[in-house]
Amino acid sequence: MDRDNAWIREKAATSLNPSQVETTLIQLSKKWAANALPFADVVEQFPLGEAALLHLLAVSSICATRLTQDPDSLLWLCEPEICRAPRGYAEMLNELYKLAIGRVRPTGGLAGDSVVSPAPD
């Protein structure tokens, strides 16, 4: 765990907002699924570059919060066809909604905190 924290501190230190990036990376690493790609690999091999991901976490507390609430969304963003595709607000909202719907619980609620409100009945 100390090795992971040292790696996180090293990554955060290079960002515009080290404390926010460090906090976000720690929270993400704690919630990261054991059967997912290794967290460090996802960060270091982000399709738009590690620096772009760390910059996003540094400048957008909203994005950082949403990713920590739903770590699977980071895996979704890592898909090259997703992160590199040009899309407008409506298209992005639709994609996020489809992602959230994929995690609907049997009780009808969304698993975890959703970044998108469910469609009206």
Protein backbone atom coordinates (compact mmCIF):
# COMPACT_ATOMS: atom_id res chain seq x y z
CA MET A 1 0.00 0.00 0.00
CA ASP A 2 2.87 2.40 0.76
CA ARG A 3 4.22 1.74 -2.72
CA ASP A 4 0.81 2.61 -4.21
CA ASN A 5 0.65 5.81 -2.15
CA ALA A 6 4.15 6.78 -3.27
CA TRP A 7 3.11 6.23 -6.90
CA ILE A 8 0.00 8.36 -6.35
CA ARG A 9 1.97 11.16 -4.66
CA GLU A 10 4.46 11.12 -7.54
CA LYS A 11 1.69 11.42 -10.14
CA ALA A 12 -0.15 14.12 -8.20
CA ALA A 13 2.99 16.19 -7.67
CA THR A 14 3.25 16.84 -11.41
CA SER A 15 -0.28 18.27 -11.63
CA LEU A 16 -1.69 21.77 -11.30
CA ASN A 17 -3.60 20.81 -8.15
CA PRO A 18 -1.61 18.10 -6.36
CA SER A 19 -3.89 17.73 -3.33
CA GLN A 20 -7.03 17.29 -5.44
CA VAL A 21 -5.36 14.83 -7.80
CA GLU A 22 -3.84 12.86 -4.91
CA THR A 23 -7.19 12.63 -3.11
CA THR A 24 -8.95 11.56 -6.30
CA LEU A 25 -6.36 8.92 -7.18
CA ILE A 26 -6.44 7.52 -3.64
CA GLN A 27 -10.23 7.30 -3.67
CA LEU A 28 -10.24 5.70 -7.11
CA SER A 29 -7.58 3.16 -6.14
CA LYS A 30 -9.57 2.15 -3.04
CA LYS A 31 -12.74 1.62 -5.07
CA TRP A 32 -11.02 0.02 -8.06
CA ALA A 33 -12.46 -3.40 -8.94
CA ALA A 34 -10.06 -6.27 -8.39
CA ASN A 35 -11.05 -7.86 -11.71
CA ALA A 36 -10.52 -4.65 -13.73
CA LEU A 37 -7.36 -3.61 -15.53
CA PRO A 38 -4.68 -2.52 -13.03
CA PHE A 39 -5.41 1.03 -11.88
CA ALA A 40 -1.85 2.26 -12.52
CA ASP A 41 -2.00 0.92 -16.09
CA VAL A 42 -5.28 2.72 -16.75
CA VAL A 43 -3.82 6.03 -15.58
CA GLU A 44 -0.47 5.64 -17.33
CA GLN A 45 -1.95 4.34 -20.60
CA PHE A 46 -4.93 6.69 -20.86
CA PRO A 47 -5.62 7.08 -24.62
CA LEU A 48 -5.24 10.87 -24.58
CA GLY A 49 -2.16 10.61 -22.37
CA GLU A 50 -1.55 10.41 -18.65
CA ALA A 51 -0.94 14.16 -18.48
CA ALA A 52 -4.37 14.88 -19.98
CA LEU A 53 -6.12 12.70 -17.39
CA LEU A 54 -4.18 14.23 -14.48
CA HIS A 55 -4.90 17.72 -15.84
CA LEU A 56 -8.62 16.94 -15.99
CA LEU A 57 -8.60 15.71 -12.39
CA ALA A 58 -6.67 18.82 -11.33
CA VAL A 59 -8.96 21.39 -12.93
CA SER A 60 -12.37 19.75 -12.53
CA SER A 61 -13.49 18.84 -9.04
CA ILE A 62 -16.84 17.84 -10.55
CA CYS A 63 -15.17 15.35 -12.88
CA ALA A 64 -12.97 14.06 -10.07
CA THR A 65 -16.01 13.54 -7.85
CA ARG A 66 -18.00 11.78 -10.55
CA LEU A 67 -15.14 9.43 -11.35
CA THR A 68 -14.70 8.51 -7.69
CA GLN A 69 -18.43 7.88 -7.38
CA ASP A 70 -18.37 5.65 -10.47
CA PRO A 71 -14.89 4.28 -11.20
CA ASP A 72 -16.29 2.21 -14.10
CA SER A 73 -16.79 5.46 -15.98
CA LEU A 74 -12.99 5.86 -16.11
CA LEU A 75 -12.73 2.47 -17.80
CA TRP A 76 -15.40 3.61 -20.24
CA LEU A 77 -13.44 6.79 -20.97
CA CYS A 78 -10.34 4.67 -21.61
CA GLU A 79 -11.95 3.10 -24.64
CA PRO A 80 -10.26 4.91 -27.56
CA GLU A 81 -13.46 5.09 -29.60
CA ILE A 82 -15.15 6.86 -26.66
CA CYS A 83 -12.48 9.36 -25.61
CA ARG A 84 -11.41 10.29 -29.13
CA ALA A 85 -14.86 10.56 -30.69
CA PRO A 86 -16.11 14.08 -31.32
CA ARG A 87 -19.56 14.50 -29.83
CA GLY A 88 -21.79 17.28 -28.64
CA TYR A 89 -23.41 17.67 -25.25
CA ALA A 90 -26.54 15.70 -26.20
CA GLU A 91 -24.53 12.78 -27.59
CA MET A 92 -22.31 12.66 -24.50
CA LEU A 93 -25.34 12.79 -22.21
CA ASN A 94 -26.91 9.92 -24.16
CA GLU A 95 -23.72 7.83 -23.90
CA LEU A 96 -23.48 8.45 -20.15
CA TYR A 97 -27.15 7.55 -19.75
CA LYS A 98 -26.63 4.26 -21.61
CA LEU A 99 -23.63 3.53 -19.39
CA ALA A 100 -25.70 4.19 -16.26
CA ILE A 101 -28.63 2.09 -17.50
CA GLY A 102 -26.25 -0.82 -17.93
CA ARG A 103 -25.95 -0.89 -14.15
CA VAL A 104 -29.64 -0.84 -13.23
CA ARG A 105 -30.37 -2.76 -10.06
CA PRO A 106 -33.30 -5.21 -9.85
CA THR A 107 -35.05 -2.71 -7.55
CA GLY A 108 -35.06 -0.24 -10.41
CA GLY A 109 -32.50 2.17 -9.00
CA LEU A 110 -29.14 2.88 -10.55
CA ALA A 111 -26.13 1.20 -9.03
CA GLY A 112 -24.03 3.85 -7.35
CA ASP A 113 -24.54 7.54 -7.88
CA SER A 114 -25.54 8.26 -11.44
CA VAL A 115 -24.01 11.09 -13.42
CA VAL A 116 -27.20 11.29 -15.45
CA SER A 117 -30.77 11.58 -14.22
CA PRO A 118 -33.00 8.74 -15.36
CA ALA A 119 -35.37 9.47 -18.20
CA PRO A 120 -38.81 10.65 -17.09
CA ASP A 121 -41.55 8.00 -17.01
